[in-house]
PDB file of all heavy atoms in Angstrom:
ATOM      1  N   SER A   1     -29.702 -91.723  78.839  1.00  0.00           N
ATOM      2  CA  SER A   1     -29.915 -93.012  79.492  1.00  0.00           C
ATOM      3  C   SER A   1     -28.658 -93.320  80.339  1.00  0.00           C
ATOM      4  O   SER A   1     -27.575 -92.880  79.978  1.00  0.00           O
ATOM      5  CB  SER A   1     -30.162 -94.118  78.462  1.00  0.00           C
ATOM      6  OG  SER A   1     -28.995 -94.316  77.654  1.00  0.00           O
ATOM      7  N   PRO A   2     -28.783 -94.060  81.426  1.00  0.00           N
ATOM      8  CA  PRO A   2     -30.048 -94.576  81.967  1.00  0.00           C
ATOM      9  C   PRO A   2     -30.891 -93.433  82.569  1.00  0.00           C
ATOM     10  O   PRO A   2     -30.380 -92.345  82.824  1.00  0.00           O
ATOM     11  CB  PRO A   2     -29.585 -95.545  83.055  1.00  0.00           C
ATOM     12  CG  PRO A   2     -28.254 -95.009  83.489  1.00  0.00           C
ATOM     13  CD  PRO A   2     -27.624 -94.441  82.246  1.00  0.00           C
ATOM     14  N   THR A   3     -32.152 -93.717  82.777  1.00  0.00           N
ATOM     15  CA  THR A   3     -33.067 -92.663  83.242  1.00  0.00           C
ATOM     16  C   THR A   3     -33.196 -92.599  84.748  1.00  0.00           C
ATOM     17  O   THR A   3     -33.784 -91.667  85.268  1.00  0.00           O
ATOM     18  CB  THR A   3     -34.469 -92.890  82.624  1.00  0.00           C
ATOM     19  OG1 THR A   3     -34.956 -94.192  83.017  1.00  0.00           O
ATOM     20  CG2 THR A   3     -34.382 -92.813  81.103  1.00  0.00           C
ATOM     21  N   GLN A   4     -32.667 -93.624  85.461  1.00  0.00           N
ATOM     22  CA  GLN A   4     -32.770 -93.630  86.911  1.00  0.00           C
ATOM     23  C   GLN A   4     -32.031 -92.402  87.499  1.00  0.00           C
ATOM     24  O   GLN A   4     -30.931 -92.078  87.082  1.00  0.00           O
ATOM     25  CB  GLN A   4     -32.200 -94.917  87.502  1.00  0.00           C
ATOM     26  CG  GLN A   4     -33.013 -96.149  87.170  1.00  0.00           C
ATOM     27  CD  GLN A   4     -32.651 -96.735  85.826  1.00  0.00           C
ATOM     28  OE1 GLN A   4     -31.843 -96.176  85.108  1.00  0.00           O
ATOM     29  NE2 GLN A   4     -33.268 -97.863  85.498  1.00  0.00           N
ATOM     30  N   ASN A   5     -32.655 -91.788  88.475  1.00  0.00           N
ATOM     31  CA  ASN A   5     -32.079 -90.645  89.169  1.00  0.00           C
ATOM     32  C   ASN A   5     -31.714 -89.497  88.226  1.00  0.00           C
ATOM     33  O   ASN A   5     -30.714 -88.794  88.418  1.00  0.00           O
ATOM     34  CB  ASN A   5     -30.839 -91.067  89.972  1.00  0.00           C
ATOM     35  CG  ASN A   5     -31.128 -92.161  90.964  1.00  0.00           C
ATOM     36  OD1 ASN A   5     -32.000 -92.038  91.808  1.00  0.00           O
ATOM     37  ND2 ASN A   5     -30.396 -93.274  90.862  1.00  0.00           N
ATOM     38  N   LEU A   6     -32.518 -89.357  87.181  1.00  0.00           N
ATOM     39  CA  LEU A   6     -32.283 -88.330  86.181  1.00  0.00           C
ATOM     40  C   LEU A   6     -33.615 -87.628  85.917  1.00  0.00           C
ATOM     41  O   LEU A   6     -34.651 -88.258  85.687  1.00  0.00           O
ATOM     42  CB  LEU A   6     -31.766 -88.961  84.898  1.00  0.00           C
ATOM     43  CG  LEU A   6     -31.184 -88.041  83.842  1.00  0.00           C
ATOM     44  CD1 LEU A   6     -29.870 -87.440  84.341  1.00  0.00           C
ATOM     45  CD2 LEU A   6     -30.929 -88.825  82.541  1.00  0.00           C
ATOM     46  N   THR A   7     -33.607 -86.299  85.944  1.00  0.00           N
ATOM     47  CA  THR A   7     -34.808 -85.540  85.637  1.00  0.00           C
ATOM     48  C   THR A   7     -34.778 -85.083  84.207  1.00  0.00           C
ATOM     49  O   THR A   7     -33.738 -84.743  83.661  1.00  0.00           O
ATOM     50  CB  THR A   7     -34.928 -84.297  86.542  1.00  0.00           C
ATOM     51  OG1 THR A   7     -33.820 -83.447  86.288  1.00  0.00           O
ATOM     52  CG2 THR A   7     -34.917 -84.704  88.014  1.00  0.00           C
ATOM     53  N   TYR A   8     -35.958 -85.079  83.576  1.00  0.00           N
ATOM     54  CA  TYR A   8     -36.098 -84.540  82.213  1.00  0.00           C
ATOM     55  C   TYR A   8     -35.065 -85.145  81.261  1.00  0.00           C
ATOM     56  O   TYR A   8     -34.163 -84.464  80.774  1.00  0.00           O
ATOM     57  CB  TYR A   8     -35.987 -83.012  82.226  1.00  0.00           C
ATOM     58  CG  TYR A   8     -36.875 -82.346  83.206  1.00  0.00           C
ATOM     59  CD1 TYR A   8     -36.341 -81.693  84.332  1.00  0.00           C
ATOM     60  CD2 TYR A   8     -38.262 -82.363  83.044  1.00  0.00           C
ATOM     61  CE1 TYR A   8     -37.176 -81.086  85.252  1.00  0.00           C
ATOM     62  CE2 TYR A   8     -39.103 -81.759  83.962  1.00  0.00           C
ATOM     63  CZ  TYR A   8     -38.568 -81.117  85.074  1.00  0.00           C
ATOM     64  OH  TYR A   8     -39.392 -80.508  85.991  1.00  0.00           O
ATOM     65  N   GLN A   9     -35.222 -86.425  80.986  1.00  0.00           N
ATOM     66  CA  GLN A   9     -34.259 -87.109  80.157  1.00  0.00           C
ATOM     67  C   GLN A   9     -34.202 -86.602  78.723  1.00  0.00           C
ATOM     68  O   GLN A   9     -33.235 -86.859  78.006  1.00  0.00           O
ATOM     69  CB  GLN A   9     -34.560 -88.622  80.128  1.00  0.00           C
ATOM     70  CG  GLN A   9     -35.826 -88.971  79.337  1.00  0.00           C
ATOM     71  CD  GLN A   9     -36.056 -90.444  79.249  1.00  0.00           C
ATOM     72  OE1 GLN A   9     -36.817 -90.999  79.999  1.00  0.00           O
ATOM     73  NE2 GLN A   9     -35.361 -91.091  78.300  1.00  0.00           N
ATOM     74  N   ASN A  10     -35.232 -85.870  78.276  1.00  0.00           N
ATOM     75  CA  ASN A  10     -35.289 -85.382  76.896  1.00  0.00           C
ATOM     76  C   ASN A  10     -34.849 -83.917  76.768  1.00  0.00           C
ATOM     77  O   ASN A  10     -35.294 -83.219  75.869  1.00  0.00           O
ATOM     78  CB  ASN A  10     -36.686 -85.555  76.322  1.00  0.00           C
ATOM     79  CG  ASN A  10     -37.080 -87.041  76.227  1.00  0.00           C
ATOM     80  OD1 ASN A  10     -36.228 -87.901  76.129  1.00  0.00           O
ATOM     81  ND2 ASN A  10     -38.370 -87.311  76.241  1.00  0.00           N
ATOM     82  N   THR A  11     -34.003 -83.472  77.673  1.00  0.00           N
ATOM     83  CA  THR A  11     -33.486 -82.116  77.598  1.00  0.00           C
ATOM     84  C   THR A  11     -31.962 -82.187  77.483  1.00  0.00           C
ATOM     85  O   THR A  11     -31.337 -83.204  77.796  1.00  0.00           O
ATOM     86  CB  THR A  11     -33.881 -81.306  78.843  1.00  0.00           C
ATOM     87  OG1 THR A  11     -33.388 -79.976  78.711  1.00  0.00           O
ATOM     88  CG2 THR A  11     -33.303 -81.925  80.099  1.00  0.00           C
ATOM     89  N   ALA A  12     -31.354 -81.083  77.056  1.00  0.00           N
ATOM     90  CA  ALA A  12     -29.900 -81.061  76.926  1.00  0.00           C
ATOM     91  C   ALA A  12     -29.234 -81.075  78.276  1.00  0.00           C
ATOM     92  O   ALA A  12     -28.120 -81.610  78.408  1.00  0.00           O
ATOM     93  CB  ALA A  12     -29.470 -79.842  76.126  1.00  0.00           C
ATOM     94  N   THR A  13     -29.880 -80.533  79.286  1.00  0.00           N
ATOM     95  CA  THR A  13     -29.227 -80.356  80.592  1.00  0.00           C
ATOM     96  C   THR A  13     -30.102 -80.915  81.724  1.00  0.00           C
ATOM     97  O   THR A  13     -30.659 -80.154  82.519  1.00  0.00           O
ATOM     98  CB  THR A  13     -28.931 -78.860  80.832  1.00  0.00           C
ATOM     99  OG1 THR A  13     -30.171 -78.127  80.681  1.00  0.00           O
ATOM    100  CG2 THR A  13     -27.917 -78.332  79.862  1.00  0.00           C
ATOM    101  N   PRO A  14     -30.226 -82.221  81.801  1.00  0.00           N
ATOM    102  CA  PRO A  14     -30.980 -82.807  82.908  1.00  0.00           C
ATOM    103  C   PRO A  14     -30.181 -82.733  84.214  1.00  0.00           C
ATOM    104  O   PRO A  14     -28.971 -82.603  84.208  1.00  0.00           O
ATOM    105  CB  PRO A  14     -31.198 -84.248  82.472  1.00  0.00           C
ATOM    106  CG  PRO A  14     -30.007 -84.546  81.640  1.00  0.00           C
ATOM    107  CD  PRO A  14     -29.691 -83.260  80.917  1.00  0.00           C
ATOM    108  N   VAL A  15     -30.903 -82.869  85.312  1.00  0.00           N
ATOM    109  CA  VAL A  15     -30.265 -82.914  86.635  1.00  0.00           C
ATOM    110  C   VAL A  15     -30.100 -84.373  87.043  1.00  0.00           C
ATOM    111  O   VAL A  15     -31.072 -85.154  86.984  1.00  0.00           O
ATOM    112  CB  VAL A  15     -31.100 -82.150  87.679  1.00  0.00           C
ATOM    113  CG1 VAL A  15     -30.468 -82.297  89.063  1.00  0.00           C
ATOM    114  CG2 VAL A  15     -31.236 -80.694  87.288  1.00  0.00           C
ATOM    115  N   ALA A  16     -28.883 -84.746  87.441  1.00  0.00           N
ATOM    116  CA  ALA A  16     -28.608 -86.117  87.859  1.00  0.00           C
ATOM    117  C   ALA A  16     -28.233 -86.167  89.313  1.00  0.00           C
ATOM    118  O   ALA A  16     -27.459 -85.333  89.792  1.00  0.00           O
ATOM    119  CB  ALA A  16     -27.479 -86.703  87.005  1.00  0.00           C
ATOM    120  N   ASN A  17     -28.797 -87.120  90.038  1.00  0.00           N
ATOM    121  CA  ASN A  17     -28.418 -87.329  91.418  1.00  0.00           C
ATOM    122  C   ASN A  17     -28.282 -88.833  91.711  1.00  0.00           C
ATOM    123  O   ASN A  17     -29.028 -89.390  92.504  1.00  0.00           O
ATOM    124  CB  ASN A  17     -29.433 -86.663  92.390  1.00  0.00           C
ATOM    125  CG  ASN A  17     -30.821 -87.194  92.172  1.00  0.00           C
ATOM    126  OD1 ASN A  17     -31.125 -87.851  91.175  1.00  0.00           O
ATOM    127  ND2 ASN A  17     -31.714 -86.923  93.114  1.00  0.00           N
ATOM    128  N   PRO A  18     -27.332 -89.497  91.058  1.00  0.00           N
ATOM    129  CA  PRO A  18     -27.171 -90.925  91.245  1.00  0.00           C
ATOM    130  C   PRO A  18     -26.612 -91.243  92.633  1.00  0.00           C
ATOM    131  O   PRO A  18     -25.933 -90.427  93.250  1.00  0.00           O
ATOM    132  CB  PRO A  18     -26.150 -91.296  90.152  1.00  0.00           C
ATOM    133  CG  PRO A  18     -25.348 -90.052  89.971  1.00  0.00           C
ATOM    134  CD  PRO A  18     -26.321 -88.915  90.149  1.00  0.00           C
ATOM    135  N   VAL A  19     -26.922 -92.456  93.066  1.00  0.00           N
ATOM    136  CA  VAL A  19     -26.402 -92.896  94.374  1.00  0.00           C
ATOM    137  C   VAL A  19     -25.070 -93.599  94.218  1.00  0.00           C
ATOM    138  O   VAL A  19     -24.329 -93.738  95.199  1.00  0.00           O
ATOM    139  CB  VAL A  19     -27.425 -93.814  95.072  1.00  0.00           C
ATOM    140  CG1 VAL A  19     -28.694 -93.062  95.393  1.00  0.00           C
ATOM    141  CG2 VAL A  19     -27.745 -95.031  94.220  1.00  0.00           C
ATOM    142  N   ASN A  20     -24.777 -94.052  93.018  1.00  0.00           N
ATOM    143  CA  ASN A  20     -23.502 -94.693  92.729  1.00  0.00           C
ATOM    144  C   ASN A  20     -22.899 -94.082  91.466  1.00  0.00           C
ATOM    145  O   ASN A  20     -23.568 -93.400  90.698  1.00  0.00           O
ATOM    146  CB  ASN A  20     -23.711 -96.209  92.483  1.00  0.00           C
ATOM    147  CG  ASN A  20     -24.288 -96.914  93.702  1.00  0.00           C
ATOM    148  OD1 ASN A  20     -23.742 -96.819  94.791  1.00  0.00           O
ATOM    149  ND2 ASN A  20     -25.402 -97.622  93.508  1.00  0.00           N
ATOM    150  N   THR A  21     -21.611 -94.321  91.264  1.00  0.00           N
ATOM    151  CA  THR A  21     -20.948 -93.861  90.040  1.00  0.00           C
ATOM    152  C   THR A  21     -21.714 -94.410  88.823  1.00  0.00           C
ATOM    153  O   THR A  21     -21.968 -95.602  88.730  1.00  0.00           O
ATOM    154  CB  THR A  21     -19.500 -94.310  90.019  1.00  0.00           C
ATOM    155  OG1 THR A  21     -18.792 -93.683  91.100  1.00  0.00           O
ATOM    156  CG2 THR A  21     -18.811 -93.949  88.717  1.00  0.00           C
ATOM    157  N   THR A  22     -22.049 -93.523  87.892  1.00  0.00           N
ATOM    158  CA  THR A  22     -22.895 -93.879  86.749  1.00  0.00           C
ATOM    159  C   THR A  22     -22.348 -93.255  85.465  1.00  0.00           C
ATOM    160  O   THR A  22     -21.900 -92.099  85.471  1.00  0.00           O
ATOM    161  CB  THR A  22     -24.333 -93.400  86.965  1.00  0.00           C
ATOM    162  OG1 THR A  22     -24.848 -93.951  88.187  1.00  0.00           O
ATOM    163  CG2 THR A  22     -25.255 -93.828  85.817  1.00  0.00           C
ATOM    164  N   THR A  23     -22.388 -94.009  84.384  1.00  0.00           N
ATOM    165  CA  THR A  23     -22.052 -93.495  83.069  1.00  0.00           C
ATOM    166  C   THR A  23     -23.352 -93.148  82.360  1.00  0.00           C
ATOM    167  O   THR A  23     -24.200 -94.037  82.140  1.00  0.00           O
ATOM    168  CB  THR A  23     -21.243 -94.507  82.243  1.00  0.00           C
ATOM    169  OG1 THR A  23     -19.979 -94.699  82.896  1.00  0.00           O
ATOM    170  CG2 THR A  23     -20.987 -93.967  80.838  1.00  0.00           C
ATOM    171  N   TYR A  24     -23.525 -91.878  82.008  1.00  0.00           N
ATOM    172  CA  TYR A  24     -24.709 -91.428  81.293  1.00  0.00           C
ATOM    173  C   TYR A  24     -24.352 -91.224  79.811  1.00  0.00           C
ATOM    174  O   TYR A  24     -23.316 -90.631  79.482  1.00  0.00           O
ATOM    175  CB  TYR A  24     -25.222 -90.122  81.879  1.00  0.00           C
ATOM    176  CG  TYR A  24     -25.856 -90.288  83.225  1.00  0.00           C
ATOM    177  CD1 TYR A  24     -25.143 -89.953  84.389  1.00  0.00           C
ATOM    178  CD2 TYR A  24     -27.162 -90.718  83.358  1.00  0.00           C
ATOM    179  CE1 TYR A  24     -25.724 -90.100  85.643  1.00  0.00           C
ATOM    180  CE2 TYR A  24     -27.750 -90.857  84.618  1.00  0.00           C
ATOM    181  CZ  TYR A  24     -27.035 -90.551  85.737  1.00  0.00           C
ATOM    182  OH  TYR A  24     -27.602 -90.696  86.981  1.00  0.00           O
ATOM    183  N   CYS A  25     -25.209 -91.687  78.937  1.00  0.00           N
ATOM    184  CA  CYS A  25     -25.034 -91.506  77.497  1.00  0.00           C
ATOM    185  C   CYS A  25     -26.194 -90.724  76.925  1.00  0.00           C
ATOM    186  O   CYS A  25     -27.354 -90.916  77.359  1.00  0.00           O
ATOM    187  CB  CYS A  25     -24.923 -92.867  76.792  1.00  0.00           C
ATOM    188  SG  CYS A  25     -23.485 -93.832  77.270  1.00  0.00           S
ATOM    189  N   VAL A  26     -25.908 -89.862  75.980  1.00  0.00           N
ATOM    190  CA  VAL A  26     -26.927 -89.059  75.329  1.00  0.00           C
ATOM    191  C   VAL A  26     -26.935 -89.365  73.843  1.00  0.00           C
ATOM    192  O   VAL A  26     -25.877 -89.402  73.204  1.00  0.00           O
ATOM    193  CB  VAL A  26     -26.733 -87.552  75.576  1.00  0.00           C
ATOM    194  CG1 VAL A  26     -25.402 -87.067  75.031  1.00  0.00           C
ATOM    195  CG2 VAL A  26     -27.875 -86.758  74.981  1.00  0.00           C
ATOM    196  N   SER A  27     -28.131 -89.682  73.320  1.00  0.00           N
ATOM    197  CA  SER A  27     -28.337 -89.797  71.883  1.00  0.00           C
ATOM    198  C   SER A  27     -29.021 -88.517  71.425  1.00  0.00           C
ATOM    199  O   SER A  27     -30.080 -88.183  71.951  1.00  0.00           O
ATOM    200  CB  SER A  27     -29.202 -91.024  71.539  1.00  0.00           C
ATOM    201  OG  SER A  27     -28.525 -92.216  71.887  1.00  0.00           O
ATOM    202  N   ALA A  28     -28.402 -87.832  70.489  1.00  0.00           N
ATOM    203  CA  ALA A  28     -28.917 -86.513  70.093  1.00  0.00           C
ATOM    204  C   ALA A  28     -29.141 -86.476  68.584  1.00  0.00           C
ATOM    205  O   ALA A  28     -28.406 -87.083  67.791  1.00  0.00           O
ATOM    206  CB  ALA A  28     -27.932 -85.420  70.516  1.00  0.00           C
ATOM    207  N   ILE A  29     -30.196 -85.739  68.157  1.00  0.00           N
ATOM    208  CA  ILE A  29     -30.584 -85.650  66.768  1.00  0.00           C
ATOM    209  C   ILE A  29     -30.569 -84.202  66.331  1.00  0.00           C
ATOM    210  O   ILE A  29     -31.040 -83.310  67.063  1.00  0.00           O
ATOM    211  CB  ILE A  29     -31.980 -86.259  66.564  1.00  0.00           C
ATOM    212  CG1 ILE A  29     -32.012 -87.736  67.020  1.00  0.00           C
ATOM    213  CG2 ILE A  29     -32.422 -86.158  65.098  1.00  0.00           C
ATOM    214  CD1 ILE A  29     -33.359 -88.365  66.996  1.00  0.00           C
ATOM    215  N   ASP A  30     -30.029 -83.940  65.116  1.00  0.00           N
ATOM    216  CA  ASP A  30     -29.980 -82.563  64.622  1.00  0.00           C
ATOM    217  C   ASP A  30     -31.153 -82.284  63.678  1.00  0.00           C
ATOM    218  O   ASP A  30     -32.074 -83.128  63.522  1.00  0.00           O
ATOM    219  CB  ASP A  30     -28.639 -82.280  63.941  1.00  0.00           C
ATOM    220  CG  ASP A  30     -28.434 -83.107  62.686  1.00  0.00           C
ATOM    221  OD1 ASP A  30     -29.377 -83.767  62.211  1.00  0.00           O
ATOM    222  OD2 ASP A  30     -27.303 -83.100  62.159  1.00  0.00           O
ATOM    223  N   ASN A  31     -31.136 -81.133  63.035  1.00  0.00           N
ATOM    224  CA  ASN A  31     -32.237 -80.720  62.162  1.00  0.00           C
ATOM    225  C   ASN A  31     -32.392 -81.602  60.929  1.00  0.00           C
ATOM    226  O   ASN A  31     -33.448 -81.624  60.304  1.00  0.00           O
ATOM    227  CB  ASN A  31     -32.065 -79.257  61.713  1.00  0.00           C
ATOM    228  CG  ASN A  31     -32.325 -78.272  62.858  1.00  0.00           C
ATOM    229  OD1 ASN A  31     -33.236 -78.490  63.651  1.00  0.00           O
ATOM    230  ND2 ASN A  31     -31.542 -77.222  62.950  1.00  0.00           N
ATOM    231  N   HIS A  32     -31.311 -82.314  60.551  1.00  0.00           N
ATOM    232  CA  HIS A  32     -31.384 -83.184  59.383  1.00  0.00           C
ATOM    233  C   HIS A  32     -31.855 -84.596  59.762  1.00  0.00           C
ATOM    234  O   HIS A  32     -31.956 -85.470  58.890  1.00  0.00           O
ATOM    235  CB  HIS A  32     -30.011 -83.276  58.709  1.00  0.00           C
ATOM    236  CG  HIS A  32     -29.516 -81.979  58.198  1.00  0.00           C
ATOM    237  ND1 HIS A  32     -30.065 -81.346  57.105  1.00  0.00           N
ATOM    238  CD2 HIS A  32     -28.520 -81.159  58.639  1.00  0.00           C
ATOM    239  CE1 HIS A  32     -29.411 -80.202  56.896  1.00  0.00           C
ATOM    240  NE2 HIS A  32     -28.484 -80.079  57.804  1.00  0.00           N
ATOM    241  N   GLY A  33     -32.113 -84.818  61.039  1.00  0.00           N
ATOM    242  CA  GLY A  33     -32.489 -86.163  61.491  1.00  0.00           C
ATOM    243  C   GLY A  33     -31.312 -87.073  61.731  1.00  0.00           C
ATOM    244  O   GLY A  33     -31.483 -88.256  61.964  1.00  0.00           O
ATOM    245  N   CYS A  34     -30.091 -86.510  61.670  1.00  0.00           N
ATOM    246  CA  CYS A  34     -28.893 -87.332  61.919  1.00  0.00           C
ATOM    247  C   CYS A  34     -28.663 -87.462  63.441  1.00  0.00           C
ATOM    248  O   CYS A  34     -28.837 -86.493  64.168  1.00  0.00           O
ATOM    249  CB  CYS A  34     -27.687 -86.704  61.239  1.00  0.00           C
ATOM    250  SG  CYS A  34     -27.842 -86.614  59.428  1.00  0.00           S
ATOM    251  N   LYS A  35     -28.236 -88.653  63.849  1.00  0.00           N
ATOM    252  CA  LYS A  35     -28.091 -88.932  65.265  1.00  0.00           C
ATOM    253  C   LYS A  35     -26.661 -89.315  65.592  1.00  0.00           C
ATOM    254  O   LYS A  35     -25.984 -89.996  64.825  1.00  0.00           O
ATOM    255  CB  LYS A  35     -29.028 -90.051  65.672  1.00  0.00           C
ATOM    256  CG  LYS A  35     -29.001 -90.400  67.157  1.00  0.00           C
ATOM    257  CD  LYS A  35     -30.126 -91.324  67.556  1.00  0.00           C
ATOM    258  CE  LYS A  35     -29.957 -92.703  67.013  1.00  0.00           C
ATOM    259  NZ  LYS A  35     -30.962 -93.657  67.530  1.00  0.00           N
TER     260      LYS A  35
END
């Protein structure tokens, strides 16, 4: 997130093409369900 100007937000390596400086954050879950 955020999802604007971002492809495939549910992948490890999405492509971003923002028009302005943007901070992207990723919430990730492992095999134990820990985030």
